[in-house]
PDB file of N, CA and C in Angstrom:
ATOM      1  N   MET A   1       8.727  17.122  10.974  1.00  0.00           N
ATOM      2  CA  MET A   1       8.601  15.877  10.268  1.00  0.00           C
ATOM      3  C   MET A   1       7.943  16.162   8.921  1.00  0.00           C
ATOM      4  N   THR A   2       8.504  15.573   7.890  1.00  0.00           N
ATOM      5  CA  THR A   2       7.988  15.848   6.547  1.00  0.00           C
ATOM      6  C   THR A   2       6.759  14.996   6.231  1.00  0.00           C
ATOM      7  N   ASP A   3       6.021  15.430   5.218  1.00  0.00           N
ATOM      8  CA  ASP A   3       4.882  14.643   4.756  1.00  0.00           C
ATOM      9  C   ASP A   3       5.334  13.258   4.299  1.00  0.00           C
ATOM     10  N   GLU A   4       6.486  13.196   3.666  1.00  0.00           N
ATOM     11  CA  GLU A   4       7.015  11.916   3.193  1.00  0.00           C
ATOM     12  C   GLU A   4       7.309  10.979   4.366  1.00  0.00           C
ATOM     13  N   GLU A   5       7.896  11.507   5.431  1.00  0.00           N
ATOM     14  CA  GLU A   5       8.168  10.679   6.611  1.00  0.00           C
ATOM     15  C   GLU A   5       6.864  10.162   7.233  1.00  0.00           C
ATOM     16  N   LEU A   6       5.872  11.029   7.319  1.00  0.00           N
ATOM     17  CA  LEU A   6       4.581  10.610   7.858  1.00  0.00           C
ATOM     18  C   LEU A   6       3.939   9.547   6.976  1.00  0.00           C
ATOM     19  N   GLU A   7       4.067   9.682   5.664  1.00  0.00           N
ATOM     20  CA  GLU A   7       3.504   8.699   4.750  1.00  0.00           C
ATOM     21  C   GLU A   7       4.215   7.358   4.886  1.00  0.00           C
ATOM     22  N   GLN A   8       5.519   7.375   5.115  1.00  0.00           N
ATOM     23  CA  GLN A   8       6.260   6.131   5.320  1.00  0.00           C
ATOM     24  C   GLN A   8       5.795   5.434   6.606  1.00  0.00           C
ATOM     25  N   ILE A   9       5.558   6.196   7.656  1.00  0.00           N
ATOM     26  CA  ILE A   9       5.038   5.637   8.907  1.00  0.00           C
ATOM     27  C   ILE A   9       3.654   5.050   8.671  1.00  0.00           C
ATOM     28  N   ARG A  10       2.799   5.788   7.959  1.00  0.00           N
ATOM     29  CA  ARG A  10       1.444   5.313   7.659  1.00  0.00           C
ATOM     30  C   ARG A  10       1.502   4.007   6.859  1.00  0.00           C
ATOM     31  N   ALA A  11       2.382   3.928   5.888  1.00  0.00           N
ATOM     32  CA  ALA A  11       2.506   2.721   5.053  1.00  0.00           C
ATOM     33  C   ALA A  11       2.946   1.526   5.902  1.00  0.00           C
ATOM     34  N   ARG A  12       3.892   1.726   6.802  1.00  0.00           N
ATOM     35  CA  ARG A  12       4.321   0.629   7.680  1.00  0.00           C
ATOM     36  C   ARG A  12       3.177   0.179   8.573  1.00  0.00           C
ATOM     37  N   SER A  13       2.423   1.132   9.072  1.00  0.00           N
ATOM     38  CA  SER A  13       1.296   0.805   9.938  1.00  0.00           C
ATOM     39  C   SER A  13       0.241   0.006   9.185  1.00  0.00           C
ATOM     40  N   LEU A  14      -0.062   0.413   7.967  1.00  0.00           N
ATOM     41  CA  LEU A  14      -1.071  -0.286   7.167  1.00  0.00           C
ATOM     42  C   LEU A  14      -0.613  -1.679   6.746  1.00  0.00           C
ATOM     43  N   ALA A  15       0.702  -1.868   6.614  1.00  0.00           N
ATOM     44  CA  ALA A  15       1.237  -3.165   6.196  1.00  0.00           C
ATOM     45  C   ALA A  15       1.299  -4.178   7.334  1.00  0.00           C
ATOM     46  N   ALA A  16       1.250  -3.717   8.568  1.00  0.00           N
ATOM     47  CA  ALA A  16       1.320  -4.612   9.723  1.00  0.00           C
ATOM     48  C   ALA A  16       0.024  -5.396   9.861  1.00  0.00           C
ATOM     49  N   ALA A  17       0.094  -6.462  10.636  1.00  0.00           N
ATOM     50  CA  ALA A  17      -1.103  -7.273  10.896  1.00  0.00           C
ATOM     51  C   ALA A  17      -2.208  -6.386  11.462  1.00  0.00           C
ATOM     52  N   PRO A  18      -3.457  -6.674  11.099  1.00  0.00           N
ATOM     53  CA  PRO A  18      -4.572  -5.853  11.575  1.00  0.00           C
ATOM     54  C   PRO A  18      -4.656  -5.830  13.104  1.00  0.00           C
ATOM     55  N   GLY A  19      -5.139  -4.725  13.615  1.00  0.00           N
ATOM     56  CA  GLY A  19      -5.319  -4.576  15.050  1.00  0.00           C
ATOM     57  C   GLY A  19      -6.713  -4.982  15.458  1.00  0.00           C
ATOM     58  N   PRO A  20      -7.027  -4.832  16.696  1.00  0.00           N
ATOM     59  CA  PRO A  20      -6.115  -4.342  17.727  1.00  0.00           C
ATOM     60  C   PRO A  20      -5.114  -5.416  18.139  1.00  0.00           C
ATOM     61  N   TRP A  21      -3.988  -4.960  18.664  1.00  0.00           N
ATOM     62  CA  TRP A  21      -3.010  -5.851  19.244  1.00  0.00           C
ATOM     63  C   TRP A  21      -3.111  -5.730  20.750  1.00  0.00           C
ATOM     64  N   LYS A  22      -2.929  -6.841  21.447  1.00  0.00           N
ATOM     65  CA  LYS A  22      -2.989  -6.825  22.898  1.00  0.00           C
ATOM     66  C   LYS A  22      -1.924  -7.755  23.451  1.00  0.00           C
ATOM     67  N   ALA A  23      -1.146  -7.241  24.401  1.00  0.00           N
ATOM     68  CA  ALA A  23      -0.135  -8.057  25.063  1.00  0.00           C
ATOM     69  C   ALA A  23      -0.820  -8.985  26.058  1.00  0.00           C
ATOM     70  N   HIS A  24      -0.427 -10.239  26.036  1.00  0.00           N
ATOM     71  CA  HIS A  24      -0.881 -11.237  27.002  1.00  0.00           C
ATOM     72  C   HIS A  24       0.368 -11.727  27.728  1.00  0.00           C
ATOM     73  N   ILE A  25       0.512 -11.310  28.962  1.00  0.00           N
ATOM     74  CA  ILE A  25       1.720 -11.564  29.735  1.00  0.00           C
ATOM     75  C   ILE A  25       1.487 -12.714  30.711  1.00  0.00           C
ATOM     76  N   GLU A  26       2.368 -13.720  30.635  1.00  0.00           N
ATOM     77  CA  GLU A  26       2.282 -14.846  31.555  1.00  0.00           C
ATOM     78  C   GLU A  26       2.439 -14.339  32.988  1.00  0.00           C
ATOM     79  N   GLY A  27       1.528 -14.755  33.859  1.00  0.00           N
ATOM     80  CA  GLY A  27       1.563 -14.335  35.252  1.00  0.00           C
ATOM     81  C   GLY A  27       0.769 -13.068  35.522  1.00  0.00           C
ATOM     82  N   ARG A  28       0.488 -12.311  34.492  1.00  0.00           N
ATOM     83  CA  ARG A  28      -0.339 -11.111  34.631  1.00  0.00           C
ATOM     84  C   ARG A  28      -1.705 -11.315  33.983  1.00  0.00           C
ATOM     85  N   ASP A  29      -1.696 -11.836  32.764  1.00  0.00           N
ATOM     86  CA  ASP A  29      -2.928 -11.982  31.993  1.00  0.00           C
ATOM     87  C   ASP A  29      -3.371 -13.440  31.851  1.00  0.00           C
ATOM     88  N   HIS A  30      -2.464 -14.366  32.065  1.00  0.00           N
ATOM     89  CA  HIS A  30      -2.775 -15.792  32.026  1.00  0.00           C
ATOM     90  C   HIS A  30      -1.717 -16.535  32.826  1.00  0.00           C
ATOM     91  N   GLU A  31      -2.015 -17.787  33.183  1.00  0.00           N
ATOM     92  CA  GLU A  31      -1.143 -18.522  34.098  1.00  0.00           C
ATOM     93  C   GLU A  31      -0.243 -19.560  33.445  1.00  0.00           C
ATOM     94  N   SER A  32      -0.482 -19.907  32.207  1.00  0.00           N
ATOM     95  CA  SER A  32       0.370 -20.924  31.593  1.00  0.00           C
ATOM     96  C   SER A  32       0.692 -20.531  30.158  1.00  0.00           C
ATOM     97  N   GLY A  33       1.811 -21.035  29.688  1.00  0.00           N
ATOM     98  CA  GLY A  33       2.254 -20.681  28.344  1.00  0.00           C
ATOM     99  C   GLY A  33       3.168 -19.470  28.400  1.00  0.00           C
ATOM    100  N   SER A  34       3.568 -19.005  27.256  1.00  0.00           N
ATOM    101  CA  SER A  34       4.489 -17.877  27.202  1.00  0.00           C
ATOM    102  C   SER A  34       3.746 -16.568  26.971  1.00  0.00           C
ATOM    103  N   SER A  35       4.443 -15.481  27.163  1.00  0.00           N
ATOM    104  CA  SER A  35       3.891 -14.162  26.848  1.00  0.00           C
ATOM    105  C   SER A  35       3.841 -14.005  25.332  1.00  0.00           C
ATOM    106  N   PHE A  36       2.853 -13.268  24.838  1.00  0.00           N
ATOM    107  CA  PHE A  36       2.711 -13.061  23.400  1.00  0.00           C
ATOM    108  C   PHE A  36       1.859 -11.824  23.153  1.00  0.00           C
ATOM    109  N   ILE A  37       1.862 -11.374  21.910  1.00  0.00           N
ATOM    110  CA  ILE A  37       0.988 -10.287  21.471  1.00  0.00           C
ATOM    111  C   ILE A  37      -0.046 -10.902  20.546  1.00  0.00           C
ATOM    112  N   MET A  38      -1.320 -10.737  20.900  1.00  0.00           N
ATOM    113  CA  MET A  38      -2.408 -11.228  20.071  1.00  0.00           C
ATOM    114  C   MET A  38      -2.728 -10.157  19.028  1.00  0.00           C
ATOM    115  N   THR A  39      -2.803 -10.553  17.765  1.00  0.00           N
ATOM    116  CA  THR A  39      -3.125  -9.610  16.703  1.00  0.00           C
ATOM    117  C   THR A  39      -4.538  -9.856  16.218  1.00  0.00           C
ATOM    118  N   GLY A  40      -5.266  -8.770  16.013  1.00  0.00           N
ATOM    119  CA  GLY A  40      -6.635  -8.857  15.532  1.00  0.00           C
ATOM    120  C   GLY A  40      -7.544  -9.473  16.573  1.00  0.00           C
ATOM    121  N   GLU A  41      -8.798  -9.653  16.166  1.00  0.00           N
ATOM    122  CA  GLU A  41      -9.759 -10.293  17.051  1.00  0.00           C
ATOM    123  C   GLU A  41     -10.883 -10.882  16.221  1.00  0.00           C
ATOM    124  N   GLY A  42     -11.585 -11.831  16.798  1.00  0.00           N
ATOM    125  CA  GLY A  42     -12.689 -12.468  16.095  1.00  0.00           C
ATOM    126  C   GLY A  42     -12.252 -13.064  14.778  1.00  0.00           C
ATOM    127  N   SER A  43     -13.023 -12.821  13.736  1.00  0.00           N
ATOM    128  CA  SER A  43     -12.707 -13.378  12.415  1.00  0.00           C
ATOM    129  C   SER A  43     -11.469 -12.728  11.790  1.00  0.00           C
ATOM    130  N   ASN A  44     -11.006 -11.622  12.350  1.00  0.00           N
ATOM    131  CA  ASN A  44      -9.788 -10.947  11.866  1.00  0.00           C
ATOM    132  C   ASN A  44      -8.560 -11.310  12.692  1.00  0.00           C
ATOM    133  N   ARG A  45      -8.664 -12.346  13.518  1.00  0.00           N
ATOM    134  CA  ARG A  45      -7.547 -12.756  14.365  1.00  0.00           C
ATOM    135  C   ARG A  45      -6.400 -13.219  13.499  1.00  0.00           C
ATOM    136  N   GLY A  46      -5.210 -12.696  13.794  1.00  0.00           N
ATOM    137  CA  GLY A  46      -4.014 -13.072  13.051  1.00  0.00           C
ATOM    138  C   GLY A  46      -3.109 -13.962  13.874  1.00  0.00           C
ATOM    139  N   GLU A  47      -1.895 -14.112  13.408  1.00  0.00           N
ATOM    140  CA  GLU A  47      -0.896 -14.904  14.119  1.00  0.00           C
ATOM    141  C   GLU A  47      -0.455 -14.166  15.376  1.00  0.00           C
ATOM    142  N   ASP A  48      -0.181 -14.918  16.434  1.00  0.00           N
ATOM    143  CA  ASP A  48       0.378 -14.324  17.639  1.00  0.00           C
ATOM    144  C   ASP A  48       1.833 -13.952  17.389  1.00  0.00           C
ATOM    145  N   ILE A  49       2.286 -12.913  18.073  1.00  0.00           N
ATOM    146  CA  ILE A  49       3.676 -12.480  17.975  1.00  0.00           C
ATOM    147  C   ILE A  49       4.359 -12.819  19.288  1.00  0.00           C
ATOM    148  N   GLU A  50       5.448 -13.565  19.208  1.00  0.00           N
ATOM    149  CA  GLU A  50       6.237 -13.884  20.391  1.00  0.00           C
ATOM    150  C   GLU A  50       7.588 -13.195  20.256  1.00  0.00           C
ATOM    151  N   LEU A  51       8.060 -12.644  21.340  1.00  0.00           N
ATOM    152  CA  LEU A  51       9.314 -11.894  21.344  1.00  0.00           C
ATOM    153  C   LEU A  51      10.334 -12.582  22.240  1.00  0.00           C
ATOM    154  N   SER A  52      11.576 -12.464  21.887  1.00  0.00           N
ATOM    155  CA  SER A  52      12.656 -13.018  22.692  1.00  0.00           C
ATOM    156  C   SER A  52      13.399 -11.876  23.372  1.00  0.00           C
ATOM    157  N   GLY A  53      13.548 -11.974  24.672  1.00  0.00           N
ATOM    158  CA  GLY A  53      14.306 -10.971  25.411  1.00  0.00           C
ATOM    159  C   GLY A  53      13.535  -9.708  25.749  1.00  0.00           C
ATOM    160  N   ALA A  54      12.238  -9.690  25.492  1.00  0.00           N
ATOM    161  CA  ALA A  54      11.433  -8.493  25.742  1.00  0.00           C
ATOM    162  C   ALA A  54      10.958  -8.446  27.186  1.00  0.00           C
ATOM    163  N   THR A  55      10.897  -7.243  27.722  1.00  0.00           N
ATOM    164  CA  THR A  55      10.330  -7.038  29.047  1.00  0.00           C
ATOM    165  C   THR A  55       8.814  -6.896  28.922  1.00  0.00           C
ATOM    166  N   VAL A  56       8.133  -6.915  30.057  1.00  0.00           N
ATOM    167  CA  VAL A  56       6.688  -6.683  30.051  1.00  0.00           C
ATOM    168  C   VAL A  56       6.400  -5.313  29.437  1.00  0.00           C
ATOM    169  N   ALA A  57       7.203  -4.316  29.780  1.00  0.00           N
ATOM    170  CA  ALA A  57       7.016  -2.970  29.223  1.00  0.00           C
ATOM    171  C   ALA A  57       7.197  -2.982  27.705  1.00  0.00           C
ATOM    172  N   ASP A  58       8.139  -3.775  27.202  1.00  0.00           N
ATOM    173  CA  ASP A  58       8.349  -3.884  25.758  1.00  0.00           C
ATOM    174  C   ASP A  58       7.120  -4.474  25.080  1.00  0.00           C
ATOM    175  N   TYR A  59       6.584  -5.563  25.649  1.00  0.00           N
ATOM    176  CA  TYR A  59       5.374  -6.175  25.102  1.00  0.00           C
ATOM    177  C   TYR A  59       4.226  -5.168  25.058  1.00  0.00           C
ATOM    178  N   ASP A  60       4.006  -4.472  26.165  1.00  0.00           N
ATOM    179  CA  ASP A  60       2.911  -3.498  26.221  1.00  0.00           C
ATOM    180  C   ASP A  60       3.114  -2.373  25.206  1.00  0.00           C
ATOM    181  N   PHE A  61       4.341  -1.872  25.105  1.00  0.00           N
ATOM    182  CA  PHE A  61       4.641  -0.789  24.174  1.00  0.00           C
ATOM    183  C   PHE A  61       4.389  -1.212  22.731  1.00  0.00           C
ATOM    184  N   ILE A  62       4.911  -2.369  22.344  1.00  0.00           N
ATOM    185  CA  ILE A  62       4.771  -2.833  20.968  1.00  0.00           C
ATOM    186  C   ILE A  62       3.308  -3.099  20.637  1.00  0.00           C
ATOM    187  N   ALA A  63       2.591  -3.747  21.552  1.00  0.00           N
ATOM    188  CA  ALA A  63       1.178  -4.028  21.310  1.00  0.00           C
ATOM    189  C   ALA A  63       0.378  -2.736  21.184  1.00  0.00           C
ATOM    190  N   CYS A  64       0.602  -1.789  22.064  1.00  0.00           N
ATOM    191  CA  CYS A  64      -0.140  -0.524  22.019  1.00  0.00           C
ATOM    192  C   CYS A  64       0.247   0.327  20.816  1.00  0.00           C
ATOM    193  N   ALA A  65       1.471   0.186  20.347  1.00  0.00           N
ATOM    194  CA  ALA A  65       1.919   0.982  19.202  1.00  0.00           C
ATOM    195  C   ALA A  65       1.033   0.750  17.983  1.00  0.00           C
ATOM    196  N   ARG A  66       0.488  -0.471  17.835  1.00  0.00           N
ATOM    197  CA  ARG A  66      -0.383  -0.763  16.682  1.00  0.00           C
ATOM    198  C   ARG A  66      -1.569   0.192  16.642  1.00  0.00           C
ATOM    199  N   GLN A  67      -2.149   0.480  17.780  1.00  0.00           N
ATOM    200  CA  GLN A  67      -3.274   1.405  17.858  1.00  0.00           C
ATOM    201  C   GLN A  67      -2.791   2.856  17.975  1.00  0.00           C
ATOM    202  N   ASP A  68      -1.743   3.071  18.757  1.00  0.00           N
ATOM    203  CA  ASP A  68      -1.271   4.432  19.031  1.00  0.00           C
ATOM    204  C   ASP A  68      -0.788   5.159  17.785  1.00  0.00           C
ATOM    205  N   ILE A  69      -0.081   4.455  16.907  1.00  0.00           N
ATOM    206  CA  ILE A  69       0.462   5.104  15.708  1.00  0.00           C
ATOM    207  C   ILE A  69      -0.653   5.672  14.845  1.00  0.00           C
ATOM    208  N   SER A  70      -1.709   4.903  14.631  1.00  0.00           N
ATOM    209  CA  SER A  70      -2.839   5.395  13.828  1.00  0.00           C
ATOM    210  C   SER A  70      -3.461   6.629  14.457  1.00  0.00           C
ATOM    211  N   ARG A  71      -3.627   6.609  15.768  1.00  0.00           N
ATOM    212  CA  ARG A  71      -4.215   7.756  16.463  1.00  0.00           C
ATOM    213  C   ARG A  71      -3.298   8.977  16.391  1.00  0.00           C
ATOM    214  N   LEU A  72      -1.993   8.766  16.535  1.00  0.00           N
ATOM    215  CA  LEU A  72      -1.051   9.883  16.448  1.00  0.00           C
ATOM    216  C   LEU A  72      -1.022  10.480  15.045  1.00  0.00           C
ATOM    217  N   LEU A  73      -1.059   9.636  14.019  1.00  0.00           N
ATOM    218  CA  LEU A  73      -1.086  10.145  12.647  1.00  0.00           C
ATOM    219  C   LEU A  73      -2.344  10.973  12.404  1.00  0.00           C
ATOM    220  N   ALA A  74      -3.471  10.507  12.905  1.00  0.00           N
ATOM    221  CA  ALA A  74      -4.723  11.261  12.749  1.00  0.00           C
ATOM    222  C   ALA A  74      -4.645  12.601  13.477  1.00  0.00           C
ATOM    223  N   GLU A  75      -4.051  12.616  14.646  1.00  0.00           N
ATOM    224  CA  GLU A  75      -3.925  13.869  15.410  1.00  0.00           C
ATOM    225  C   GLU A  75      -2.983  14.837  14.707  1.00  0.00           C
ATOM    226  N   ILE A  76      -1.896  14.342  14.138  1.00  0.00           N
ATOM    227  CA  ILE A  76      -0.983  15.205  13.381  1.00  0.00           C
ATOM    228  C   ILE A  76      -1.715  15.818  12.190  1.00  0.00           C
ATOM    229  N   ALA A  77      -2.486  14.997  11.479  1.00  0.00           N
ATOM    230  CA  ALA A  77      -3.242  15.501  10.327  1.00  0.00           C
ATOM    231  C   ALA A  77      -4.238  16.568  10.771  1.00  0.00           C
ATOM    232  N   ARG A  78      -4.925  16.334  11.887  1.00  0.00           N
ATOM    233  CA  ARG A  78      -5.903  17.295  12.395  1.00  0.00           C
ATOM    234  C   ARG A  78      -5.225  18.610  12.771  1.00  0.00           C
ATOM    235  N   LEU A  79      -4.108  18.517  13.466  1.00  0.00           N
ATOM    236  CA  LEU A  79      -3.401  19.736  13.889  1.00  0.00           C
ATOM    237  C   LEU A  79      -2.840  20.501  12.698  1.00  0.00           C
ATOM    238  N   ARG A  80      -2.307  19.790  11.713  1.00  0.00           N
ATOM    239  CA  ARG A  80      -1.795  20.462  10.512  1.00  0.00           C
ATOM    240  C   ARG A  80      -2.921  21.158   9.756  1.00  0.00           C
ATOM    241  N   GLU A  81      -4.062  20.508   9.679  1.00  0.00           N
ATOM    242  CA  GLU A  81      -5.212  21.125   9.012  1.00  0.00           C
ATOM    243  C   GLU A  81      -5.651  22.375   9.769  1.00  0.00           C
ATOM    244  N   GLU A  82      -5.668  22.289  11.069  1.00  0.00           N
ATOM    245  CA  GLU A  82      -6.049  23.448  11.908  1.00  0.00           C
ATOM    246  C   GLU A  82      -5.067  24.608  11.702  1.00  0.00           C
ATOM    247  N   LEU A  83      -3.782  24.300  11.639  1.00  0.00           N
ATOM    248  CA  LEU A  83      -2.782  25.345  11.413  1.00  0.00           C
ATOM    249  C   LEU A  83      -2.936  25.967  10.035  1.00  0.00           C
ATOM    250  N   ASN A  84      -3.272  25.182   9.044  1.00  0.00           N
ATOM    251  CA  ASN A  84      -3.427  25.681   7.677  1.00  0.00           C
ATOM    252  C   ASN A  84      -4.680  26.558   7.519  1.00  0.00           C
ATOM    253  N   GLN A  85      -5.639  26.416   8.412  1.00  0.00           N
ATOM    254  CA  GLN A  85      -6.871  27.202   8.337  1.00  0.00           C
ATOM    255  C   GLN A  85      -6.698  28.584   8.952  1.00  0.00           C
ATOM    256  N   GLU A  86      -5.635  28.776   9.697  1.00  0.00           N
ATOM    257  CA  GLU A  86      -5.437  30.082  10.355  1.00  0.00           C
ATOM    258  C   GLU A  86      -4.910  31.127   9.399  1.00  0.00           C
TER     259      GLU A  86
END
């Protein structure tokens, strides 16, 4: 993966609603209303994201991706730096 591709991923991540994102699934996490992804928390709470046709696994994946992408980018940077030091 090129540096440019990683930078494009980073830019998309930074442009998305602030995290953390958390899936709230009807019947699993609450009993009434629809399933949704909560964005942000506290004073940084953003708009909820509702999906059409998504499975519970889809909701969980998309919500976790908000946090996971940042962590993966940091790990790639760390590993590349480690390789460059050898």
